[in-house]
C-alpha atoms as a PDB file:
ATOM      1  CA  UNK A   1     137.368 126.406  75.712  1.00  0.00           C
ATOM      2  CA  UNK A   2     138.720 128.915  78.416  1.00  0.00           C
ATOM      3  CA  UNK A   3     139.459 128.970  81.719  1.00  0.00           C
ATOM      4  CA  UNK A   4     136.374 130.283  84.259  1.00  0.00           C
ATOM      5  CA  UNK A   5     137.890 131.707  87.660  1.00  0.00           C
ATOM      6  CA  UNK A   6     135.424 132.915  90.299  1.00  0.00           C
ATOM      7  CA  UNK A   7     137.012 134.356  93.701  1.00  0.00           C
ATOM      8  CA  UNK A   8     136.119 131.793  96.557  1.00  0.00           C
ATOM      9  CA  UNK A   9     136.445 129.934  99.467  1.00  0.00           C
ATOM     10  CA  UNK A  10     136.344 125.997  98.333  1.00  0.00           C
ATOM     11  CA  UNK A  11     133.365 124.174  99.900  1.00  0.00           C
ATOM     12  CA  UNK A  12     135.570 121.612 100.501  1.00  0.00           C
ATOM     13  CA  UNK A  13     138.132 124.038 102.599  1.00  0.00           C
ATOM     14  CA  UNK A  14     135.410 124.945 104.866  1.00  0.00           C
ATOM     15  CA  UNK A  15     134.874 120.889 105.714  1.00  0.00           C
ATOM     16  CA  UNK A  16     138.672 120.522 106.296  1.00  0.00           C
ATOM     17  CA  UNK A  17     138.695 124.041 108.766  1.00  0.00           C
ATOM     18  CA  UNK A  18     135.983 122.132 110.809  1.00  0.00           C
ATOM     19  CA  UNK A  19     138.084 118.778 110.712  1.00  0.00           C
ATOM     20  CA  UNK A  20     140.999 120.387 111.979  1.00  0.00           C
ATOM     21  CA  UNK A  21     143.173 120.012 108.720  1.00  0.00           C
ATOM     22  CA  UNK A  22     144.429 123.458 108.240  1.00  0.00           C
ATOM     23  CA  UNK A  23     147.082 125.330 110.600  1.00  0.00           C
ATOM     24  CA  UNK A  24     147.583 128.957 109.568  1.00  0.00           C
ATOM     25  CA  UNK A  25     149.851 129.770 112.437  1.00  0.00           C
ATOM     26  CA  UNK A  26     153.114 131.298 111.385  1.00  0.00           C
ATOM     27  CA  UNK A  27     155.577 128.438 110.761  1.00  0.00           C
ATOM     28  CA  UNK A  28     152.908 125.593 111.059  1.00  0.00           C
ATOM     29  CA  UNK A  29     151.541 124.506 107.520  1.00  0.00           C
ATOM     30  CA  UNK A  30     153.195 125.250 104.160  1.00  0.00           C
ATOM     31  CA  UNK A  31     150.792 127.137 101.896  1.00  0.00           C
ATOM     32  CA  UNK A  32     151.745 128.119  98.373  1.00  0.00           C
ATOM     33  CA  UNK A  33     150.147 129.980  95.523  1.00  0.00           C
ATOM     34  CA  UNK A  34     149.875 128.838  91.876  1.00  0.00           C
ATOM     35  CA  UNK A  35     148.984 130.922  89.190  1.00  0.00           C
ATOM     36  CA  UNK A  36     146.549 130.022  86.191  1.00  0.00           C
ATOM     37  CA  UNK A  37     147.168 130.565  82.642  1.00  0.00           C
ATOM     38  CA  UNK A  38     145.513 133.147  80.528  1.00  0.00           C
ATOM     39  CA  UNK A  39     141.973 133.073  80.185  1.00  0.00           C
ATOM     40  CA  UNK A  40     141.832 132.014  76.193  1.00  0.00           C
ATOM     41  CA  UNK A  41     144.664 129.501  76.961  1.00  0.00           C
ATOM     42  CA  UNK A  42     142.968 126.897  79.520  1.00  0.00           C
ATOM     43  CA  UNK A  43     140.084 124.684  80.116  1.00  0.00           C
ATOM     44  CA  UNK A  44     139.137 124.316  83.649  1.00  0.00           C
ATOM     45  CA  UNK A  45     136.537 126.214  86.166  1.00  0.00           C
ATOM     46  CA  UNK A  46     137.963 127.247  89.387  1.00  0.00           C
ATOM     47  CA  UNK A  47     136.010 128.290  92.459  1.00  0.00           C
ATOM     48  CA  UNK A  48     133.900 126.848  95.052  1.00  0.00           C
ATOM     49  CA  UNK A  49     133.877 123.314  93.964  1.00  0.00           C
ATOM     50  CA  UNK A  50     137.657 123.461  93.351  1.00  0.00           C
ATOM     51  CA  UNK A  51     139.383 120.984  95.957  1.00  0.00           C
ATOM     52  CA  UNK A  52     143.110 120.753  95.096  1.00  0.00           C
ATOM     53  CA  UNK A  53     145.967 122.050  93.573  1.00  0.00           C
ATOM     54  CA  UNK A  54     145.903 119.013  91.186  1.00  0.00           C
ATOM     55  CA  UNK A  55     142.501 120.707  89.711  1.00  0.00           C
ATOM     56  CA  UNK A  56     144.919 122.959  88.043  1.00  0.00           C
ATOM     57  CA  UNK A  57     147.521 120.395  86.939  1.00  0.00           C
ATOM     58  CA  UNK A  58     145.141 118.110  85.934  1.00  0.00           C
ATOM     59  CA  UNK A  59     143.651 120.367  83.614  1.00  0.00           C
ATOM     60  CA  UNK A  60     147.172 121.657  82.569  1.00  0.00           C
ATOM     61  CA  UNK A  61     146.032 125.202  83.299  1.00  0.00           C
ATOM     62  CA  UNK A  62     148.754 126.430  85.425  1.00  0.00           C
ATOM     63  CA  UNK A  63     150.914 129.271  83.931  1.00  0.00           C
ATOM     64  CA  UNK A  64     154.250 128.849  82.714  1.00  0.00           C
ATOM     65  CA  UNK A  65     157.234 131.497  81.442  1.00  0.00           C
ATOM     66  CA  UNK A  66     159.998 133.018  82.527  1.00  0.00           C
ATOM     67  CA  UNK A  67     160.514 133.602  86.233  1.00  0.00           C
ATOM     68  CA  UNK A  68     157.492 130.986  87.193  1.00  0.00           C
ATOM     69  CA  UNK A  69     158.257 127.449  88.580  1.00  0.00           C
ATOM     70  CA  UNK A  70     155.326 124.989  88.580  1.00  0.00           C
ATOM     71  CA  UNK A  71     153.490 125.039  91.932  1.00  0.00           C
ATOM     72  CA  UNK A  72     154.212 128.870  92.482  1.00  0.00           C
ATOM     73  CA  UNK A  73     155.513 130.463  95.229  1.00  0.00           C
ATOM     74  CA  UNK A  74     155.674 129.713  99.210  1.00  0.00           C
ATOM     75  CA  UNK A  75     153.779 131.734 101.270  1.00  0.00           C
ATOM     76  CA  UNK A  76     154.663 133.450 104.632  1.00  0.00           C
ATOM     77  CA  UNK A  77     151.475 132.892 106.806  1.00  0.00           C
ATOM     78  CA  UNK A  78     150.671 135.485 109.679  1.00  0.00           C
ATOM     79  CA  UNK A  79     149.014 133.869 112.400  1.00  0.00           C
ATOM     80  CA  UNK A  80     145.122 134.285 112.398  1.00  0.00           C
ATOM     81  CA  UNK A  81     143.345 137.134 114.361  1.00  0.00           C
ATOM     82  CA  UNK A  82     140.003 137.983 114.977  1.00  0.00           C
ATOM     83  CA  UNK A  83     138.582 141.238 113.684  1.00  0.00           C
ATOM     84  CA  UNK A  84     135.615 141.885 115.913  1.00  0.00           C
ATOM     85  CA  UNK A  85     133.620 138.676 115.119  1.00  0.00           C
ATOM     86  CA  UNK A  86     135.503 137.612 112.146  1.00  0.00           C
ATOM     87  CA  UNK A  87     138.347 135.312 112.276  1.00  0.00           C
ATOM     88  CA  UNK A  88     141.044 136.585 109.493  1.00  0.00           C
ATOM     89  CA  UNK A  89     144.103 135.301 107.979  1.00  0.00           C
ATOM     90  CA  UNK A  90     146.966 137.092 106.026  1.00  0.00           C
ATOM     91  CA  UNK A  91     150.117 136.302 103.925  1.00  0.00           C
ATOM     92  CA  UNK A  92     153.246 138.224 103.349  1.00  0.00           C
ATOM     93  CA  UNK A  93     152.924 139.816  99.763  1.00  0.00           C
ATOM     94  CA  UNK A  94     154.607 137.503  97.285  1.00  0.00           C
ATOM     95  CA  UNK A  95     156.537 138.305  94.072  1.00  0.00           C
ATOM     96  CA  UNK A  96     157.879 136.549  90.953  1.00  0.00           C
ATOM     97  CA  UNK A  97     160.927 138.775  89.638  1.00  0.00           C
ATOM     98  CA  UNK A  98     162.227 138.835  86.318  1.00  0.00           C
ATOM     99  CA  UNK A  99     159.207 137.320  84.867  1.00  0.00           C
ATOM    100  CA  UNK A 100     157.237 136.984  81.502  1.00  0.00           C
ATOM    101  CA  UNK A 101     153.858 135.388  81.635  1.00  0.00           C
ATOM    102  CA  UNK A 102     150.051 135.946  81.716  1.00  0.00           C
ATOM    103  CA  UNK A 103     147.696 134.799  84.545  1.00  0.00           C
ATOM    104  CA  UNK A 104     144.113 134.960  84.786  1.00  0.00           C
ATOM    105  CA  UNK A 105     143.806 134.146  88.427  1.00  0.00           C
ATOM    106  CA  UNK A 106     145.452 131.676  91.188  1.00  0.00           C
ATOM    107  CA  UNK A 107     145.039 129.382  93.601  1.00  0.00           C
ATOM    108  CA  UNK A 108     146.404 129.391  97.332  1.00  0.00           C
ATOM    109  CA  UNK A 109     146.700 125.626  98.397  1.00  0.00           C
ATOM    110  CA  UNK A 110     148.089 123.797 101.677  1.00  0.00           C
ATOM    111  CA  UNK A 111     151.104 121.599 100.838  1.00  0.00           C
ATOM    112  CA  UNK A 112     151.447 120.061 104.117  1.00  0.00           C
ATOM    113  CA  UNK A 113     147.479 118.946 103.872  1.00  0.00           C
ATOM    114  CA  UNK A 114     147.660 117.093 100.289  1.00  0.00           C
ATOM    115  CA  UNK A 115     147.613 120.027  98.329  1.00  0.00           C
ATOM    116  CA  UNK A 116     144.199 120.952  99.570  1.00  0.00           C
ATOM    117  CA  UNK A 117     142.648 124.088  98.350  1.00  0.00           C
ATOM    118  CA  UNK A 118     142.127 127.113 100.529  1.00  0.00           C
ATOM    119  CA  UNK A 119     141.323 130.081  98.313  1.00  0.00           C
ATOM    120  CA  UNK A 120     140.546 130.457  94.534  1.00  0.00           C
ATOM    121  CA  UNK A 121     141.449 134.439  93.170  1.00  0.00           C
ATOM    122  CA  UNK A 122     140.135 135.954  89.873  1.00  0.00           C
ATOM    123  CA  UNK A 123     142.281 138.489  88.865  1.00  0.00           C
ATOM    124  CA  UNK A 124     139.064 139.913  86.684  1.00  0.00           C
ATOM    125  CA  UNK A 125     140.907 139.184  83.452  1.00  0.00           C
ATOM    126  CA  UNK A 126     144.599 138.526  82.130  1.00  0.00           C
ATOM    127  CA  UNK A 127     147.435 140.217  83.952  1.00  0.00           C
ATOM    128  CA  UNK A 128     150.545 139.890  82.094  1.00  0.00           C
ATOM    129  CA  UNK A 129     154.008 140.636  82.924  1.00  0.00           C
ATOM    130  CA  UNK A 130     157.051 141.314  80.484  1.00  0.00           C
ATOM    131  CA  UNK A 131     160.504 141.180  81.995  1.00  0.00           C
ATOM    132  CA  UNK A 132     159.306 142.625  85.190  1.00  0.00           C
ATOM    133  CA  UNK A 133     157.943 141.667  88.604  1.00  0.00           C
ATOM    134  CA  UNK A 134     154.707 140.151  89.089  1.00  0.00           C
ATOM    135  CA  UNK A 135     153.481 140.903  92.669  1.00  0.00           C
ATOM    136  CA  UNK A 136     150.520 139.619  94.303  1.00  0.00           C
ATOM    137  CA  UNK A 137     149.692 142.087  97.362  1.00  0.00           C
ATOM    138  CA  UNK A 138     147.400 140.578  99.718  1.00  0.00           C
ATOM    139  CA  UNK A 139     144.708 142.887 101.478  1.00  0.00           C
ATOM    140  CA  UNK A 140     144.803 143.940 105.223  1.00  0.00           C
ATOM    141  CA  UNK A 141     143.952 141.468 107.447  1.00  0.00           C
ATOM    142  CA  UNK A 142     140.618 143.065 108.638  1.00  0.00           C
ATOM    143  CA  UNK A 143     136.880 141.526 108.567  1.00  0.00           C
ATOM    144  CA  UNK A 144     135.942 143.390 105.504  1.00  0.00           C
ATOM    145  CA  UNK A 145     139.159 142.583 103.444  1.00  0.00           C
ATOM    146  CA  UNK A 146     141.145 139.538 104.461  1.00  0.00           C
ATOM    147  CA  UNK A 147     142.009 137.073 101.763  1.00  0.00           C
ATOM    148  CA  UNK A 148     140.702 134.483 103.967  1.00  0.00           C
ATOM    149  CA  UNK A 149     138.082 135.337 106.393  1.00  0.00           C
ATOM    150  CA  UNK A 150     135.258 133.421 108.366  1.00  0.00           C
ATOM    151  CA  UNK A 151     132.522 135.552 109.746  1.00  0.00           C
END
């Protein structure tokens, strides 16, 4: 079996927003991004039904390798703003340096809120780094592009 990843805002996250459980303002909650294994190396399905970082660890689907630590990287949150009628959230780009691993996707999760899933990202196939930098460059904080947006 293989990992299946669909870029999505988890349904549980949408409910948690309405309950006031996530604070994306700078220096508020702590958010991390964990990477998934190569497609053929895992077993889980990730997307709108994902609820927690434990979904990844429970399936042993987190990537591993040189330069990667379990749990992933801590993200620098940028205080949300409105772009026209859409609320948008952005993070600073993140890099795993001197890394060697393969990943097919990622999960952004809120450490402060019991590791709740906030976003699932598909890389549209395996991405491999060998003794180099693996960087995630977040798109612009705009209505059509932000990594987390509520229209």
